[in-house]
């Protein structure tokens, strides 16, 4: 069996959006996806993109993806890689594809002198949590993620 992991190309925009939709269904967040193919194409394939994706192919057929961007740790004084989405279709799980995508991201982090690779996982997602721990990843239980969106984001922006 052959696995290929490659950088996403402009022609993959619709595929990436399909993977995002499939991930959202798995995470019970399907109604939250409002992105369009144009949004994905504009963000990932513009002149100076700030977000990137990898496509996993099994026997030549797309089966998963990873979407990531670079962040910065003031404590380390170095960039990091933040994994926004990792998804492997259910029919292809257990073949090492997720591990291979994470290994490629780790290599990207090392090649770019990054100090870390990090991501978030839903607290109910026991299979993913066990998988991440098996790779040596540690939970950051002392941190809580906060988010501003919609009217709250616009309201705060107007206060500046």
Protein backbone atom coordinates (compact mmCIF):
# COMPACT_ATOMS: atom_id res chain seq x y z
CA UNK A 1 0.00 0.00 0.00
CA UNK A 2 1.33 3.42 -0.84
CA UNK A 3 0.86 6.64 1.06
CA UNK A 4 1.77 9.99 -0.43
CA UNK A 5 1.70 13.26 1.47
CA UNK A 6 2.00 16.38 -0.63
CA UNK A 7 1.55 20.11 -0.39
CA UNK A 8 -1.94 21.21 -1.33
CA UNK A 9 -2.34 22.97 -4.67
CA UNK A 10 -4.92 25.49 -5.88
CA UNK A 11 -6.89 22.68 -7.54
CA UNK A 12 -7.35 21.13 -4.07
CA UNK A 13 -9.48 23.99 -2.70
CA UNK A 14 -12.79 22.13 -3.15
CA UNK A 15 -11.28 18.93 -1.74
CA UNK A 16 -9.99 20.80 1.32
CA UNK A 17 -13.44 22.26 1.91
CA UNK A 18 -14.95 18.76 1.63
CA UNK A 19 -12.46 17.49 4.22
CA UNK A 20 -13.34 20.43 6.48
CA UNK A 21 -17.01 19.51 6.14
CA UNK A 22 -16.31 15.84 6.94
CA UNK A 23 -14.24 16.88 9.97
CA UNK A 24 -17.04 19.17 11.13
CA UNK A 25 -19.55 16.30 10.92
CA UNK A 26 -17.19 14.11 13.00
CA UNK A 27 -16.81 16.90 15.56
CA UNK A 28 -20.59 17.49 15.62
CA UNK A 29 -20.05 21.04 14.31
CA UNK A 30 -21.34 20.75 10.75
CA UNK A 31 -23.59 23.82 11.11
CA UNK A 32 -20.56 25.97 11.97
CA UNK A 33 -18.89 25.60 8.56
CA UNK A 34 -19.59 28.70 6.47
CA UNK A 35 -16.38 28.78 4.41
CA UNK A 36 -16.61 28.56 0.63
CA UNK A 37 -14.25 27.13 -1.96
CA UNK A 38 -13.36 30.74 -2.84
CA UNK A 39 -12.49 31.43 0.82
CA UNK A 40 -10.17 28.41 0.92
CA UNK A 41 -8.58 29.27 -2.42
CA UNK A 42 -8.06 32.91 -1.44
CA UNK A 43 -6.50 32.04 1.93
CA UNK A 44 -4.25 29.15 0.96
CA UNK A 45 -3.23 30.01 -2.57
CA UNK A 46 -2.77 33.76 -2.59
CA UNK A 47 0.54 35.50 -3.30
CA UNK A 48 1.65 35.46 0.36
CA UNK A 49 -0.39 32.76 2.14
CA UNK A 50 -0.49 32.62 5.93
CA UNK A 51 -2.08 29.18 6.08
CA UNK A 52 -1.01 25.96 4.41
CA UNK A 53 -2.30 22.44 3.85
CA UNK A 54 -1.01 18.95 3.24
CA UNK A 55 -3.02 16.31 1.38
CA UNK A 56 -2.68 12.62 2.19
CA UNK A 57 -3.30 10.18 -0.65
CA UNK A 58 -3.68 6.42 -0.21
CA UNK A 59 -3.20 4.43 -3.41
CA UNK A 60 -3.54 7.72 -5.30
CA UNK A 61 -6.90 8.73 -3.76
CA UNK A 62 -7.19 11.66 -1.32
CA UNK A 63 -7.98 10.39 2.17
CA UNK A 64 -7.00 13.11 4.61
CA UNK A 65 -5.46 16.50 5.19
CA UNK A 66 -3.71 18.75 7.65
CA UNK A 67 -4.18 22.52 7.67
CA UNK A 68 -1.63 24.60 9.59
CA UNK A 69 -0.05 27.99 10.08
CA UNK A 70 2.95 29.46 11.84
CA UNK A 71 2.55 31.19 15.19
CA UNK A 72 5.07 32.64 17.62
CA UNK A 73 6.05 31.84 21.20
CA UNK A 74 7.30 34.85 23.09
CA UNK A 75 8.58 32.53 25.83
CA UNK A 76 10.69 30.52 23.38
CA UNK A 77 11.48 33.47 21.14
CA UNK A 78 10.74 31.18 18.17
CA UNK A 79 7.97 30.40 15.76
CA UNK A 80 5.82 27.32 16.11
CA UNK A 81 3.46 25.38 13.91
CA UNK A 82 -0.19 25.38 14.86
CA UNK A 83 -2.25 22.52 13.45
CA UNK A 84 -5.75 23.89 12.85
CA UNK A 85 -7.24 20.73 11.33
CA UNK A 86 -6.16 17.12 11.01
CA UNK A 87 -8.56 14.68 9.39
CA UNK A 88 -8.38 11.19 7.94
CA UNK A 89 -11.47 9.61 6.43
CA UNK A 90 -12.88 6.83 8.58
CA UNK A 91 -12.29 4.25 5.85
CA UNK A 92 -8.56 4.99 6.01
CA UNK A 93 -8.00 5.26 9.76
CA UNK A 94 -5.60 2.84 11.39
CA UNK A 95 -3.20 2.86 8.43
CA UNK A 96 -0.72 5.36 9.91
CA UNK A 97 -1.95 8.28 7.80
CA UNK A 98 -2.60 10.62 10.71
CA UNK A 99 0.78 9.78 12.18
CA UNK A 100 2.44 10.43 8.81
CA UNK A 101 0.72 13.83 8.51
CA UNK A 102 1.88 14.78 12.01
CA UNK A 103 5.39 13.54 11.25
CA UNK A 104 5.47 15.74 8.13
CA UNK A 105 4.29 18.71 10.22
CA UNK A 106 6.98 17.96 12.81
CA UNK A 107 9.54 17.94 10.00
CA UNK A 108 8.22 21.29 8.73
CA UNK A 109 8.55 22.68 12.26
CA UNK A 110 12.13 21.39 12.60
CA UNK A 111 13.11 22.61 9.11
CA UNK A 112 11.81 26.09 10.01
CA UNK A 113 13.58 26.19 13.42
CA UNK A 114 10.25 26.18 15.23
CA UNK A 115 10.10 25.49 18.93
CA UNK A 116 6.88 23.51 18.95
CA UNK A 117 3.97 21.91 17.14
CA UNK A 118 0.63 22.31 18.86
CA UNK A 119 -3.10 21.88 18.31
CA UNK A 120 -6.42 21.65 20.13
CA UNK A 121 -8.62 18.61 20.52
CA UNK A 122 -12.20 18.38 21.75
CA UNK A 123 -12.30 17.00 25.29
CA UNK A 124 -14.74 14.20 24.35
CA UNK A 125 -12.58 12.93 21.46
CA UNK A 126 -11.00 10.00 23.34
CA UNK A 127 -9.62 8.18 20.23
CA UNK A 128 -7.72 11.28 19.10
CA UNK A 129 -6.50 12.07 22.61
CA UNK A 130 -5.15 8.53 22.99
CA UNK A 131 -3.51 8.77 19.55
CA UNK A 132 -1.82 12.10 20.36
CA UNK A 133 -0.58 10.83 23.72
CA UNK A 134 0.86 7.72 22.01
CA UNK A 135 3.05 10.08 19.96
CA UNK A 136 4.37 11.81 23.07
CA UNK A 137 2.10 14.87 22.90
CA UNK A 138 1.17 16.37 26.25
CA UNK A 139 -2.13 18.05 27.11
CA UNK A 140 -1.98 21.69 28.19
CA UNK A 141 -4.72 21.26 30.80
CA UNK A 142 -3.87 24.45 32.63
CA UNK A 143 -4.82 26.60 29.61
CA UNK A 144 -8.34 27.52 28.51
CA UNK A 145 -9.03 28.74 24.99
CA UNK A 146 -11.06 31.94 24.64
CA UNK A 147 -12.63 33.16 21.42
CA UNK A 148 -14.30 36.32 20.16
CA UNK A 149 -16.56 36.02 17.11
CA UNK A 150 -19.49 37.74 15.50
CA UNK A 151 -21.04 40.70 17.30
CA UNK A 152 -18.68 40.44 20.29
CA UNK A 153 -15.66 40.72 17.96
CA UNK A 154 -17.17 43.67 16.10
CA UNK A 155 -18.16 45.36 19.37
CA UNK A 156 -14.66 45.09 20.81
CA UNK A 157 -13.11 46.31 17.55
CA UNK A 158 -15.29 49.41 17.80
CA UNK A 159 -13.94 50.19 21.27
CA UNK A 160 -10.39 50.73 20.03
